[in-house]
Amino acid sequence: MQKRSLSVQRTAHVYTLGQPGPEVRNIIIACHGYGQAAERFIRKFDGVAAGDDTLVVAPEGLSRFYWGGFDGEVVSSWMTRGDRLDEIDDYSGYLSQLLAQVQPQCAPDAQLILLGFSQGCATIMRWVVRTQPEAAHLVFWAGSIPEDIDYAPLQGYFADRQLHSFLGDADPFLTAEAIAAHEAMLAQKGLAVHKHAFAGKHTIVRPVLQDWYETVKQ
């Protein structure tokens, strides 16, 4: 048996809050977590996108499946360990194409914020490492960044933008040991991250998100 790879065209699905236009000075690209749907995930950003100056874009992962059996909700994933490098290449190209479509429709100096939730954290970071988009803020919510990447060649890139980590104090997926190990890895990799602790579980808490956004929006 022989295995071959074939690149094919895919139809991606993207949800937005707000309208692209010259008045948009803040663009947020938000990547959902494993087993989520972008259509529902983006609702967490409704308060953030209340003004005309903000556009929230939530792309959906290319791999869809049923959650909880064939009659369950249709949800998505960004990647698995199977043929992982191909999947990373695919979603990196997808996100780059999306950004190239959205940015020209907004103000020329619009601030770009990249946010990942849970599995979306690694998705955002792997895309960033491949393409170095000119984002002002990289936000990792309820998740970790990959350990298998050499960040040293990109120290200059990361020094020019702010990295943020949001962790809930009741998140069942993030033990104290896991958090300590992740923070040690960040220090070893030379990545400075602003830590934001909040009261909550494995979710985006609207008031926490909105309070932070008010401090960084243009």
N, C-alpha and C. Protein backbone atom coordinates (compact mmCIF):
# COMPACT_ATOMS: atom_id res chain seq x y z
N MET A 1 0.84 -1.20 0.00
CA MET A 1 0.00 0.00 0.00
C MET A 1 0.87 1.24 0.00
N GLN A 2 0.50 2.20 -0.80
CA GLN A 2 1.20 3.49 -0.85
C GLN A 2 0.23 4.61 -0.49
N LYS A 3 0.77 5.59 0.16
CA LYS A 3 -0.04 6.75 0.54
C LYS A 3 0.47 7.98 -0.19
N ARG A 4 -0.47 8.74 -0.75
CA ARG A 4 -0.12 9.98 -1.42
C ARG A 4 -0.98 11.11 -0.88
N SER A 5 -0.49 12.32 -1.03
CA SER A 5 -1.25 13.50 -0.60
C SER A 5 -1.72 14.27 -1.81
N LEU A 6 -2.90 14.85 -1.71
CA LEU A 6 -3.49 15.63 -2.79
C LEU A 6 -4.11 16.89 -2.20
N SER A 7 -3.65 18.04 -2.63
CA SER A 7 -4.22 19.30 -2.16
C SER A 7 -5.51 19.57 -2.91
N VAL A 8 -6.57 19.88 -2.15
CA VAL A 8 -7.87 20.13 -2.75
C VAL A 8 -8.42 21.45 -2.22
N GLN A 9 -9.37 22.01 -2.96
CA GLN A 9 -10.02 23.24 -2.51
C GLN A 9 -11.12 22.90 -1.52
N ARG A 10 -11.22 23.68 -0.44
CA ARG A 10 -12.24 23.47 0.58
C ARG A 10 -13.10 24.72 0.71
N THR A 11 -14.30 24.53 1.21
CA THR A 11 -15.19 25.65 1.53
C THR A 11 -15.15 25.85 3.04
N ALA A 12 -14.66 26.99 3.47
CA ALA A 12 -14.58 27.31 4.89
C ALA A 12 -15.77 28.18 5.28
N HIS A 13 -16.13 28.14 6.56
CA HIS A 13 -17.26 28.91 7.06
C HIS A 13 -16.78 29.87 8.13
N VAL A 14 -17.16 31.12 7.98
CA VAL A 14 -16.68 32.19 8.85
C VAL A 14 -17.87 33.01 9.33
N TYR A 15 -17.86 33.36 10.62
CA TYR A 15 -18.93 34.16 11.21
C TYR A 15 -18.35 35.48 11.69
N THR A 16 -19.14 36.54 11.59
CA THR A 16 -18.65 37.86 11.99
C THR A 16 -19.67 38.58 12.84
N LEU A 17 -19.16 39.46 13.69
CA LEU A 17 -19.96 40.45 14.42
C LEU A 17 -19.41 41.81 14.04
N GLY A 18 -20.26 42.68 13.59
CA GLY A 18 -19.81 43.96 13.07
C GLY A 18 -19.67 43.91 11.57
N GLN A 19 -19.49 45.07 10.99
CA GLN A 19 -19.37 45.19 9.54
C GLN A 19 -18.00 45.73 9.16
N PRO A 20 -17.33 45.10 8.20
CA PRO A 20 -16.07 45.67 7.71
C PRO A 20 -16.32 47.06 7.12
N GLY A 21 -15.36 47.95 7.32
CA GLY A 21 -15.50 49.29 6.77
C GLY A 21 -14.38 50.17 7.28
N PRO A 22 -14.24 51.37 6.73
CA PRO A 22 -13.14 52.26 7.12
C PRO A 22 -13.21 52.72 8.56
N GLU A 23 -14.38 52.58 9.21
CA GLU A 23 -14.50 52.99 10.60
C GLU A 23 -14.01 51.92 11.57
N VAL A 24 -13.73 50.73 11.08
CA VAL A 24 -13.24 49.64 11.94
C VAL A 24 -11.77 49.85 12.25
N ARG A 25 -11.48 50.05 13.53
CA ARG A 25 -10.11 50.29 13.98
C ARG A 25 -9.56 49.13 14.81
N ASN A 26 -10.39 48.12 15.03
CA ASN A 26 -9.97 46.94 15.80
C ASN A 26 -10.56 45.69 15.15
N ILE A 27 -9.67 44.78 14.76
CA ILE A 27 -10.08 43.52 14.16
C ILE A 27 -9.69 42.40 15.12
N ILE A 28 -10.65 41.59 15.51
CA ILE A 28 -10.37 40.43 16.36
C ILE A 28 -10.65 39.16 15.56
N ILE A 29 -9.64 38.34 15.39
CA ILE A 29 -9.84 37.01 14.82
C ILE A 29 -9.81 36.03 15.98
N ALA A 30 -10.94 35.34 16.19
CA ALA A 30 -11.11 34.47 17.35
C ALA A 30 -11.30 33.02 16.90
N CYS A 31 -10.41 32.15 17.33
CA CYS A 31 -10.46 30.73 16.96
C CYS A 31 -11.03 29.91 18.12
N HIS A 32 -12.08 29.17 17.83
CA HIS A 32 -12.77 28.38 18.85
C HIS A 32 -11.94 27.19 19.32
N GLY A 33 -12.46 26.49 20.30
CA GLY A 33 -11.80 25.31 20.83
C GLY A 33 -12.29 24.02 20.17
N TYR A 34 -11.75 22.91 20.64
CA TYR A 34 -12.12 21.59 20.11
C TYR A 34 -13.59 21.30 20.40
N GLY A 35 -14.29 20.78 19.40
CA GLY A 35 -15.67 20.39 19.59
C GLY A 35 -16.63 21.55 19.73
N GLN A 36 -16.30 22.68 19.14
CA GLN A 36 -17.17 23.83 19.18
C GLN A 36 -17.60 24.22 17.76
N ALA A 37 -18.59 25.09 17.69
CA ALA A 37 -19.04 25.64 16.42
C ALA A 37 -18.85 27.14 16.46
N ALA A 38 -18.28 27.70 15.42
CA ALA A 38 -17.98 29.13 15.40
C ALA A 38 -19.24 29.96 15.54
N GLU A 39 -20.35 29.48 15.02
CA GLU A 39 -21.60 30.22 15.08
C GLU A 39 -22.03 30.48 16.52
N ARG A 40 -21.80 29.51 17.40
CA ARG A 40 -22.15 29.70 18.81
C ARG A 40 -21.01 30.36 19.59
N PHE A 41 -19.79 30.03 19.24
CA PHE A 41 -18.63 30.58 19.94
C PHE A 41 -18.59 32.10 19.83
N ILE A 42 -18.91 32.65 18.67
CA ILE A 42 -18.77 34.09 18.45
C ILE A 42 -19.75 34.90 19.31
N ARG A 43 -20.79 34.27 19.81
CA ARG A 43 -21.75 34.99 20.63
C ARG A 43 -21.12 35.54 21.92
N LYS A 44 -20.03 34.93 22.36
CA LYS A 44 -19.32 35.43 23.55
C LYS A 44 -18.75 36.83 23.32
N PHE A 45 -18.67 37.26 22.08
CA PHE A 45 -18.05 38.54 21.74
C PHE A 45 -19.07 39.62 21.42
N ASP A 46 -20.33 39.37 21.72
CA ASP A 46 -21.35 40.34 21.34
C ASP A 46 -21.18 41.69 22.02
N GLY A 47 -20.73 41.70 23.27
CA GLY A 47 -20.49 42.97 23.95
C GLY A 47 -19.28 43.70 23.41
N VAL A 48 -18.25 42.95 23.05
CA VAL A 48 -17.03 43.54 22.49
C VAL A 48 -17.30 44.22 21.16
N ALA A 49 -18.21 43.63 20.38
CA ALA A 49 -18.48 44.14 19.04
C ALA A 49 -19.66 45.10 19.01
N ALA A 50 -19.97 45.72 20.15
CA ALA A 50 -21.14 46.60 20.22
C ALA A 50 -20.95 47.89 19.43
N GLY A 51 -19.70 48.34 19.27
CA GLY A 51 -19.45 49.58 18.56
C GLY A 51 -19.06 49.36 17.11
N ASP A 52 -19.17 50.42 16.31
CA ASP A 52 -18.83 50.32 14.89
C ASP A 52 -17.33 50.22 14.65
N ASP A 53 -16.53 50.45 15.70
CA ASP A 53 -15.08 50.45 15.54
C ASP A 53 -14.47 49.06 15.67
N THR A 54 -15.29 48.03 15.92
CA THR A 54 -14.76 46.69 16.16
C THR A 54 -15.41 45.66 15.23
N LEU A 55 -14.58 44.82 14.66
CA LEU A 55 -15.03 43.70 13.84
C LEU A 55 -14.49 42.41 14.45
N VAL A 56 -15.37 41.48 14.77
CA VAL A 56 -14.97 40.18 15.28
C VAL A 56 -15.20 39.14 14.20
N VAL A 57 -14.18 38.35 13.94
CA VAL A 57 -14.24 37.33 12.89
C VAL A 57 -13.92 35.97 13.53
N ALA A 58 -14.86 35.03 13.39
CA ALA A 58 -14.67 33.69 13.98
C ALA A 58 -14.67 32.64 12.87
N PRO A 59 -13.50 32.23 12.43
CA PRO A 59 -13.43 31.15 11.44
C PRO A 59 -13.74 29.81 12.10
N GLU A 60 -14.31 28.90 11.35
CA GLU A 60 -14.60 27.57 11.90
C GLU A 60 -13.59 26.56 11.38
N GLY A 61 -13.17 25.67 12.27
CA GLY A 61 -12.22 24.64 11.89
C GLY A 61 -12.72 23.82 10.70
N LEU A 62 -11.80 23.32 9.90
CA LEU A 62 -12.16 22.64 8.66
C LEU A 62 -12.66 21.21 8.88
N SER A 63 -12.44 20.66 10.07
CA SER A 63 -12.84 19.28 10.32
C SER A 63 -14.11 19.25 11.15
N ARG A 64 -15.22 18.86 10.55
CA ARG A 64 -16.51 18.81 11.24
C ARG A 64 -16.85 17.38 11.65
N PHE A 65 -17.58 17.25 12.76
CA PHE A 65 -18.02 15.94 13.21
C PHE A 65 -19.22 16.11 14.14
N TYR A 66 -19.89 14.98 14.44
CA TYR A 66 -21.02 15.02 15.35
C TYR A 66 -20.53 14.87 16.79
N TRP A 67 -21.04 15.70 17.67
CA TRP A 67 -20.69 15.63 19.09
C TRP A 67 -21.72 14.76 19.80
N GLY A 68 -21.29 13.61 20.30
CA GLY A 68 -22.20 12.75 21.05
C GLY A 68 -23.06 11.85 20.19
N GLY A 69 -22.54 11.39 19.07
CA GLY A 69 -23.30 10.48 18.24
C GLY A 69 -23.83 11.16 17.00
N PHE A 70 -24.42 10.36 16.11
CA PHE A 70 -24.85 10.87 14.80
C PHE A 70 -26.00 11.86 14.88
N ASP A 71 -26.69 11.92 16.00
CA ASP A 71 -27.76 12.90 16.14
C ASP A 71 -27.33 14.07 17.02
N GLY A 72 -26.03 14.17 17.28
CA GLY A 72 -25.52 15.26 18.12
C GLY A 72 -25.29 16.52 17.32
N GLU A 73 -24.82 17.55 18.02
CA GLU A 73 -24.52 18.82 17.38
C GLU A 73 -23.34 18.66 16.41
N VAL A 74 -23.37 19.45 15.36
CA VAL A 74 -22.24 19.48 14.43
C VAL A 74 -21.23 20.47 14.96
N VAL A 75 -20.02 19.98 15.23
CA VAL A 75 -18.96 20.81 15.80
C VAL A 75 -17.70 20.64 14.96
N SER A 76 -16.65 21.35 15.34
CA SER A 76 -15.43 21.35 14.53
C SER A 76 -14.17 21.18 15.36
N SER A 77 -13.12 20.80 14.67
CA SER A 77 -11.79 20.70 15.25
C SER A 77 -10.79 21.32 14.28
N TRP A 78 -9.70 21.83 14.84
CA TRP A 78 -8.67 22.43 13.99
C TRP A 78 -7.67 21.40 13.48
N MET A 79 -7.40 20.37 14.30
CA MET A 79 -6.43 19.37 13.86
C MET A 79 -6.47 18.17 14.80
N THR A 80 -5.87 17.08 14.35
CA THR A 80 -5.62 15.92 15.19
C THR A 80 -4.15 15.55 15.01
N ARG A 81 -3.73 14.50 15.66
CA ARG A 81 -2.33 14.08 15.49
C ARG A 81 -2.11 13.33 14.18
N GLY A 82 -3.19 12.95 13.50
CA GLY A 82 -3.06 12.28 12.21
C GLY A 82 -2.73 13.26 11.10
N ASP A 83 -1.61 13.06 10.45
CA ASP A 83 -1.17 13.96 9.37
C ASP A 83 -1.21 15.41 9.84
N ARG A 84 -0.71 15.63 11.03
CA ARG A 84 -0.84 16.93 11.69
C ARG A 84 -0.18 18.07 10.92
N LEU A 85 0.95 17.82 10.30
CA LEU A 85 1.63 18.89 9.57
C LEU A 85 0.81 19.35 8.37
N ASP A 86 0.13 18.41 7.71
CA ASP A 86 -0.75 18.80 6.61
C ASP A 86 -1.90 19.65 7.13
N GLU A 87 -2.47 19.26 8.27
CA GLU A 87 -3.60 20.01 8.82
C GLU A 87 -3.17 21.41 9.27
N ILE A 88 -1.97 21.51 9.84
CA ILE A 88 -1.45 22.82 10.25
C ILE A 88 -1.24 23.70 9.02
N ASP A 89 -0.67 23.13 7.96
CA ASP A 89 -0.49 23.89 6.72
C ASP A 89 -1.84 24.36 6.17
N ASP A 90 -2.83 23.47 6.23
CA ASP A 90 -4.15 23.81 5.67
C ASP A 90 -4.79 24.95 6.44
N TYR A 91 -4.82 24.86 7.77
CA TYR A 91 -5.51 25.93 8.49
C TYR A 91 -4.68 27.21 8.53
N SER A 92 -3.37 27.11 8.43
CA SER A 92 -2.55 28.32 8.37
C SER A 92 -2.82 29.07 7.06
N GLY A 93 -2.92 28.34 5.96
CA GLY A 93 -3.26 28.98 4.70
C GLY A 93 -4.65 29.57 4.72
N TYR A 94 -5.56 28.88 5.35
CA TYR A 94 -6.95 29.35 5.49
C TYR A 94 -7.00 30.65 6.27
N LEU A 95 -6.33 30.71 7.42
CA LEU A 95 -6.36 31.92 8.25
C LEU A 95 -5.64 33.08 7.56
N SER A 96 -4.57 32.79 6.86
CA SER A 96 -3.87 33.86 6.13
C SER A 96 -4.75 34.43 5.02
N GLN A 97 -5.44 33.57 4.32
CA GLN A 97 -6.34 34.02 3.25
C GLN A 97 -7.48 34.85 3.83
N LEU A 98 -8.00 34.44 4.98
CA LEU A 98 -9.07 35.18 5.63
C LEU A 98 -8.58 36.57 6.04
N LEU A 99 -7.41 36.64 6.66
CA LEU A 99 -6.87 37.93 7.08
C LEU A 99 -6.63 38.85 5.88
N ALA A 100 -6.11 38.30 4.80
CA ALA A 100 -5.86 39.10 3.60
C ALA A 100 -7.15 39.63 2.99
N GLN A 101 -8.25 38.96 3.23
CA GLN A 101 -9.54 39.42 2.72
C GLN A 101 -10.13 40.49 3.62
N VAL A 102 -9.97 40.34 4.94
CA VAL A 102 -10.63 41.23 5.90
C VAL A 102 -9.90 42.56 6.05
N GLN A 103 -8.58 42.53 6.20
CA GLN A 103 -7.83 43.74 6.53
C GLN A 103 -8.03 44.90 5.56
N PRO A 104 -7.99 44.67 4.24
CA PRO A 104 -8.15 45.82 3.32
C PRO A 104 -9.51 46.49 3.41
N GLN A 105 -10.49 45.83 4.01
CA GLN A 105 -11.82 46.41 4.11
C GLN A 105 -11.98 47.34 5.32
N CYS A 106 -10.96 47.37 6.18
CA CYS A 106 -11.02 48.15 7.41
C CYS A 106 -10.03 49.32 7.34
N ALA A 107 -9.97 50.11 8.41
CA ALA A 107 -9.06 51.25 8.44
C ALA A 107 -7.63 50.77 8.22
N PRO A 108 -6.82 51.53 7.50
CA PRO A 108 -5.45 51.10 7.19
C PRO A 108 -4.61 50.83 8.44
N ASP A 109 -4.90 51.56 9.53
CA ASP A 109 -4.14 51.37 10.75
C ASP A 109 -4.92 50.58 11.79
N ALA A 110 -5.88 49.77 11.36
CA ALA A 110 -6.68 48.98 12.29
C ALA A 110 -5.78 48.03 13.09
N GLN A 111 -6.04 47.96 14.36
CA GLN A 111 -5.30 47.06 15.25
C GLN A 111 -5.82 45.64 15.10
N LEU A 112 -4.88 44.69 15.02
CA LEU A 112 -5.24 43.28 14.89
C LEU A 112 -5.01 42.56 16.21
N ILE A 113 -6.04 41.86 16.68
CA ILE A 113 -5.96 41.05 17.89
C ILE A 113 -6.28 39.61 17.50
N LEU A 114 -5.40 38.69 17.85
CA LEU A 114 -5.61 37.27 17.57
C LEU A 114 -5.89 36.56 18.88
N LEU A 115 -7.03 35.90 18.95
CA LEU A 115 -7.45 35.23 20.19
C LEU A 115 -7.77 33.78 19.91
N GLY A 116 -7.21 32.92 20.75
CA GLY A 116 -7.52 31.50 20.66
C GLY A 116 -8.11 31.02 21.97
N PHE A 117 -9.12 30.16 21.88
CA PHE A 117 -9.71 29.55 23.06
C PHE A 117 -9.42 28.06 23.06
N SER A 118 -8.87 27.55 24.15
CA SER A 118 -8.60 26.12 24.30
C SER A 118 -7.74 25.61 23.13
N GLN A 119 -8.24 24.70 22.31
CA GLN A 119 -7.45 24.21 21.18
C GLN A 119 -7.08 25.34 20.23
N GLY A 120 -7.89 26.40 20.22
CA GLY A 120 -7.59 27.54 19.37
C GLY A 120 -6.32 28.27 19.75
N CYS A 121 -5.83 28.08 20.99
CA CYS A 121 -4.58 28.72 21.40
C CYS A 121 -3.41 28.20 20.57
N ALA A 122 -3.30 26.87 20.48
CA ALA A 122 -2.23 26.29 19.67
C ALA A 122 -2.42 26.62 18.19
N THR A 123 -3.67 26.68 17.76
CA THR A 123 -3.97 27.02 16.36
C THR A 123 -3.43 28.41 16.03
N ILE A 124 -3.76 29.37 16.87
CA ILE A 124 -3.28 30.74 16.66
C ILE A 124 -1.76 30.79 16.66
N MET A 125 -1.13 30.15 17.64
CA MET A 125 0.32 30.25 17.76
C MET A 125 1.04 29.58 16.60
N ARG A 126 0.57 28.42 16.16
CA ARG A 126 1.23 27.75 15.03
C ARG A 126 1.09 28.58 13.75
N TRP A 127 -0.04 29.22 13.57
CA TRP A 127 -0.22 30.11 12.42
C TRP A 127 0.71 31.31 12.53
N VAL A 128 0.80 31.90 13.71
CA VAL A 128 1.66 33.06 13.93
C VAL A 128 3.12 32.72 13.63
N VAL A 129 3.57 31.59 14.11
CA VAL A 129 4.96 31.21 13.89
C VAL A 129 5.26 31.03 12.41
N ARG A 130 4.29 30.55 11.65
CA ARG A 130 4.50 30.35 10.22
C ARG A 130 4.47 31.64 9.42
N THR A 131 3.64 32.61 9.83
CA THR A 131 3.39 33.76 8.95
C THR A 131 3.70 35.12 9.56
N GLN A 132 3.86 35.20 10.88
CA GLN A 132 4.14 36.46 11.58
C GLN A 132 3.21 37.61 11.18
N PRO A 133 1.91 37.45 11.35
CA PRO A 133 1.00 38.56 11.05
C PRO A 133 1.24 39.72 12.00
N GLU A 134 0.97 40.93 11.54
CA GLU A 134 1.24 42.14 12.33
C GLU A 134 0.14 42.38 13.37
N ALA A 135 0.04 41.50 14.32
CA ALA A 135 -0.95 41.62 15.39
C ALA A 135 -0.37 42.39 16.56
N ALA A 136 -1.20 43.19 17.20
CA ALA A 136 -0.76 43.93 18.38
C ALA A 136 -0.85 43.07 19.63
N HIS A 137 -1.85 42.18 19.69
CA HIS A 137 -2.07 41.35 20.87
C HIS A 137 -2.35 39.91 20.45
N LEU A 138 -1.71 38.98 21.16
CA LEU A 138 -1.97 37.55 21.01
C LEU A 138 -2.58 37.07 22.32
N VAL A 139 -3.80 36.56 22.26
CA VAL A 139 -4.54 36.20 23.47
C VAL A 139 -4.77 34.69 23.49
N PHE A 140 -4.35 34.06 24.59
CA PHE A 140 -4.51 32.62 24.75
C PHE A 140 -5.44 32.38 25.95
N TRP A 141 -6.65 31.94 25.65
CA TRP A 141 -7.69 31.84 26.67
C TRP A 141 -7.99 30.36 26.96
N ALA A 142 -7.78 29.99 28.22
CA ALA A 142 -8.08 28.62 28.68
C ALA A 142 -7.34 27.57 27.87
N GLY A 143 -6.09 27.86 27.53
CA GLY A 143 -5.31 26.91 26.77
C GLY A 143 -3.83 27.23 26.85
N SER A 144 -3.03 26.43 26.20
CA SER A 144 -1.58 26.59 26.25
C SER A 144 -1.03 26.71 24.83
N ILE A 145 0.21 27.16 24.75
CA ILE A 145 0.87 27.25 23.45
C ILE A 145 1.74 26.02 23.26
N PRO A 146 2.05 25.66 22.03
CA PRO A 146 2.80 24.43 21.77
C PRO A 146 4.21 24.46 22.36
N GLU A 147 4.61 23.32 22.88
CA GLU A 147 5.95 23.19 23.44
C GLU A 147 6.99 22.79 22.40
N ASP A 148 6.54 22.27 21.25
CA ASP A 148 7.47 21.68 20.28
C ASP A 148 7.96 22.69 19.24
N ILE A 149 7.83 23.98 19.54
CA ILE A 149 8.25 25.02 18.60
C ILE A 149 9.48 25.74 19.14
N ASP A 150 10.44 26.01 18.27
CA ASP A 150 11.60 26.82 18.63
C ASP A 150 11.23 28.28 18.42
N TYR A 151 10.99 28.98 19.52
CA TYR A 151 10.56 30.38 19.43
C TYR A 151 11.74 31.36 19.35
N ALA A 152 12.95 30.86 19.55
CA ALA A 152 14.12 31.73 19.60
C ALA A 152 14.28 32.60 18.35
N PRO A 153 14.11 32.06 17.14
CA PRO A 153 14.28 32.92 15.95
C PRO A 153 13.25 34.04 15.85
N LEU A 154 12.18 33.96 16.64
CA LEU A 154 11.12 34.96 16.57
C LEU A 154 11.05 35.86 17.80
N GLN A 155 12.13 35.92 18.56
CA GLN A 155 12.12 36.74 19.77
C GLN A 155 11.85 38.21 19.44
N GLY A 156 12.39 38.69 18.34
CA GLY A 156 12.14 40.07 17.94
C GLY A 156 10.67 40.31 17.61
N TYR A 157 10.08 39.33 16.95
CA TYR A 157 8.66 39.45 16.61
C TYR A 157 7.81 39.52 17.87
N PHE A 158 8.03 38.61 18.81
CA PHE A 158 7.22 38.57 20.02
C PHE A 158 7.49 39.77 20.93
N ALA A 159 8.68 40.35 20.85
CA ALA A 159 9.00 41.51 21.67
C ALA A 159 8.18 42.73 21.26
N ASP A 160 7.70 42.74 20.03
CA ASP A 160 6.96 43.90 19.50
C ASP A 160 5.46 43.80 19.69
N ARG A 161 4.98 42.78 20.38
CA ARG A 161 3.54 42.63 20.62
C ARG A 161 3.30 42.04 22.00
N GLN A 162 2.09 42.16 22.48
CA GLN A 162 1.77 41.70 23.81
C GLN A 162 1.08 40.33 23.76
N LEU A 163 1.54 39.45 24.63
CA LEU A 163 0.96 38.12 24.76
C LEU A 163 0.18 38.06 26.07
N HIS A 164 -1.02 37.47 26.02
CA HIS A 164 -1.88 37.42 27.19
C HIS A 164 -2.37 35.99 27.42
N SER A 165 -2.43 35.60 28.68
CA SER A 165 -2.98 34.30 29.05
C SER A 165 -4.11 34.50 30.04
N PHE A 166 -5.30 33.97 29.71
CA PHE A 166 -6.46 34.06 30.59
C PHE A 166 -6.80 32.66 31.09
N LEU A 167 -6.78 32.48 32.42
CA LEU A 167 -7.05 31.18 33.01
C LEU A 167 -8.10 31.31 34.11
N GLY A 168 -9.13 30.46 34.06
CA GLY A 168 -10.16 30.46 35.08
C GLY A 168 -9.72 29.68 36.30
N ASP A 169 -10.13 30.15 37.48
CA ASP A 169 -9.70 29.48 38.71
C ASP A 169 -10.44 28.17 38.98
N ALA A 170 -11.46 27.87 38.18
CA ALA A 170 -12.21 26.62 38.36
C ALA A 170 -12.23 25.80 37.06
N ASP A 171 -11.24 26.01 36.22
CA ASP A 171 -11.16 25.29 34.96
C ASP A 171 -10.74 23.84 35.23
N PRO A 172 -11.60 22.87 34.94
CA PRO A 172 -11.26 21.47 35.26
C PRO A 172 -10.14 20.89 34.40
N PHE A 173 -9.82 21.54 33.29
CA PHE A 173 -8.78 21.04 32.39
C PHE A 173 -7.40 21.60 32.72
N LEU A 174 -7.33 22.54 33.66
CA LEU A 174 -6.06 23.20 33.96
C LEU A 174 -5.73 23.02 35.44
N THR A 175 -4.96 21.98 35.73
CA THR A 175 -4.54 21.74 37.11
C THR A 175 -3.40 22.69 37.48
N ALA A 176 -3.16 22.81 38.78
CA ALA A 176 -2.07 23.66 39.25
C ALA A 176 -0.73 23.17 38.70
N GLU A 177 -0.58 21.85 38.61
CA GLU A 177 0.67 21.29 38.09
C GLU A 177 0.84 21.62 36.61
N ALA A 178 -0.25 21.53 35.85
CA ALA A 178 -0.17 21.83 34.42
C ALA A 178 0.14 23.30 34.19
N ILE A 179 -0.47 24.17 34.99
CA ILE A 179 -0.21 25.61 34.85
C ILE A 179 1.24 25.92 35.18
N ALA A 180 1.77 25.33 36.26
CA ALA A 180 3.16 25.56 36.65
C ALA A 180 4.12 25.08 35.57
N ALA A 181 3.83 23.91 34.99
CA ALA A 181 4.69 23.38 33.93
C ALA A 181 4.65 24.27 32.69
N HIS A 182 3.48 24.79 32.38
CA HIS A 182 3.36 25.66 31.21
C HIS A 182 4.10 26.97 31.43
N GLU A 183 4.00 27.53 32.62
CA GLU A 183 4.70 28.78 32.92
C GLU A 183 6.21 28.57 32.88
N ALA A 184 6.69 27.41 33.36
CA ALA A 184 8.11 27.11 33.28
C ALA A 184 8.56 27.00 31.83
N MET A 185 7.71 26.41 30.98
CA MET A 185 8.04 26.29 29.57
C MET A 185 8.12 27.67 28.92
N LEU A 186 7.19 28.56 29.26
CA LEU A 186 7.20 29.91 28.70
C LEU A 186 8.49 30.64 29.08
N ALA A 187 8.89 30.49 30.34
CA ALA A 187 10.14 31.12 30.79
C ALA A 187 11.34 30.54 30.06
N GLN A 188 11.34 29.23 29.88
CA GLN A 188 12.45 28.57 29.20
C GLN A 188 12.53 29.00 27.74
N LYS A 189 11.36 29.25 27.13
CA LYS A 189 11.31 29.67 25.73
C LYS A 189 11.56 31.17 25.57
N GLY A 190 11.60 31.90 26.69
CA GLY A 190 11.84 33.34 26.62
C GLY A 190 10.65 34.15 26.19
N LEU A 191 9.43 33.66 26.47
CA LEU A 191 8.21 34.35 26.08
C LEU A 191 7.59 35.05 27.29
N ALA A 192 7.45 36.35 27.21
CA ALA A 192 6.84 37.13 28.29
C ALA A 192 5.34 37.20 28.04
N VAL A 193 4.56 36.73 29.00
CA VAL A 193 3.11 36.66 28.86
C VAL A 193 2.45 37.37 30.03
N HIS A 194 1.49 38.24 29.72
CA HIS A 194 0.70 38.88 30.77
C HIS A 194 -0.36 37.89 31.24
N LYS A 195 -0.36 37.58 32.53
CA LYS A 195 -1.29 36.59 33.08
C LYS A 195 -2.54 37.27 33.63
N HIS A 196 -3.71 36.74 33.26
CA HIS A 196 -4.98 37.27 33.72
C HIS A 196 -5.77 36.12 34.35
N ALA A 197 -5.94 36.15 35.64
CA ALA A 197 -6.74 35.14 36.32
C ALA A 197 -8.16 35.66 36.51
N PHE A 198 -9.13 34.77 36.38
CA PHE A 198 -10.52 35.20 36.57
C PHE A 198 -11.30 34.08 37.25
N ALA A 199 -12.42 34.43 37.82
CA ALA A 199 -13.30 33.46 38.45
C ALA A 199 -14.17 32.82 37.38
N GLY A 200 -13.96 31.54 37.15
CA GLY A 200 -14.75 30.88 36.11
C GLY A 200 -14.15 29.55 35.70
N LYS A 201 -14.89 28.86 34.86
CA LYS A 201 -14.48 27.54 34.40
C LYS A 201 -13.84 27.62 33.01
N HIS A 202 -14.03 26.58 32.22
CA HIS A 202 -13.41 26.48 30.89
C HIS A 202 -14.30 27.19 29.88
N THR A 203 -14.30 28.50 29.96
CA THR A 203 -15.18 29.28 29.10
C THR A 203 -14.68 30.71 29.01
N ILE A 204 -15.18 31.43 28.04
CA ILE A 204 -14.91 32.87 27.95
C ILE A 204 -15.99 33.59 28.74
N VAL A 205 -15.57 34.33 29.73
CA VAL A 205 -16.50 35.09 30.57
C VAL A 205 -16.65 36.49 29.97
N ARG A 206 -17.84 36.82 29.54
CA ARG A 206 -18.06 38.07 28.82
C ARG A 206 -17.54 39.31 29.56
N PRO A 207 -17.89 39.53 30.84
CA PRO A 207 -17.41 40.74 31.51
C PRO A 207 -15.89 40.83 31.59
N VAL A 208 -15.23 39.68 31.77
CA VAL A 208 -13.76 39.67 31.83
C VAL A 208 -13.18 40.07 30.48
N LEU A 209 -13.73 39.50 29.42
CA LEU A 209 -13.28 39.83 28.07
C LEU A 209 -13.51 41.30 27.77
N GLN A 210 -14.69 41.79 28.10
CA GLN A 210 -15.02 43.17 27.78
C GLN A 210 -14.19 44.17 28.58
N ASP A 211 -13.95 43.87 29.86
CA ASP A 211 -13.12 44.77 30.67
C ASP A 211 -11.71 44.85 30.11
N TRP A 212 -11.15 43.71 29.72
CA TRP A 212 -9.79 43.72 29.16
C TRP A 212 -9.77 44.47 27.83
N TYR A 213 -10.77 44.21 27.00
CA TYR A 213 -10.80 44.84 25.68
C TYR A 213 -10.84 46.37 25.77
N GLU A 214 -11.55 46.88 26.76
CA GLU A 214 -11.63 48.33 26.92
C GLU A 214 -10.26 48.94 27.20
N THR A 215 -9.33 48.15 27.72
CA THR A 215 -8.00 48.68 28.05
C THR A 215 -7.05 48.65 26.84
N VAL A 216 -7.40 47.90 25.79
CA VAL A 216 -6.46 47.76 24.67
C VAL A 216 -7.02 48.27 23.35
N LYS A 217 -8.32 48.51 23.26
CA LYS A 217 -8.91 48.91 21.99
C LYS A 217 -8.42 50.30 21.58
N GLN A 218 -8.39 50.51 20.26
CA GLN A 218 -8.00 51.81 19.71
C GLN A 218 -9.23 52.72 19.60
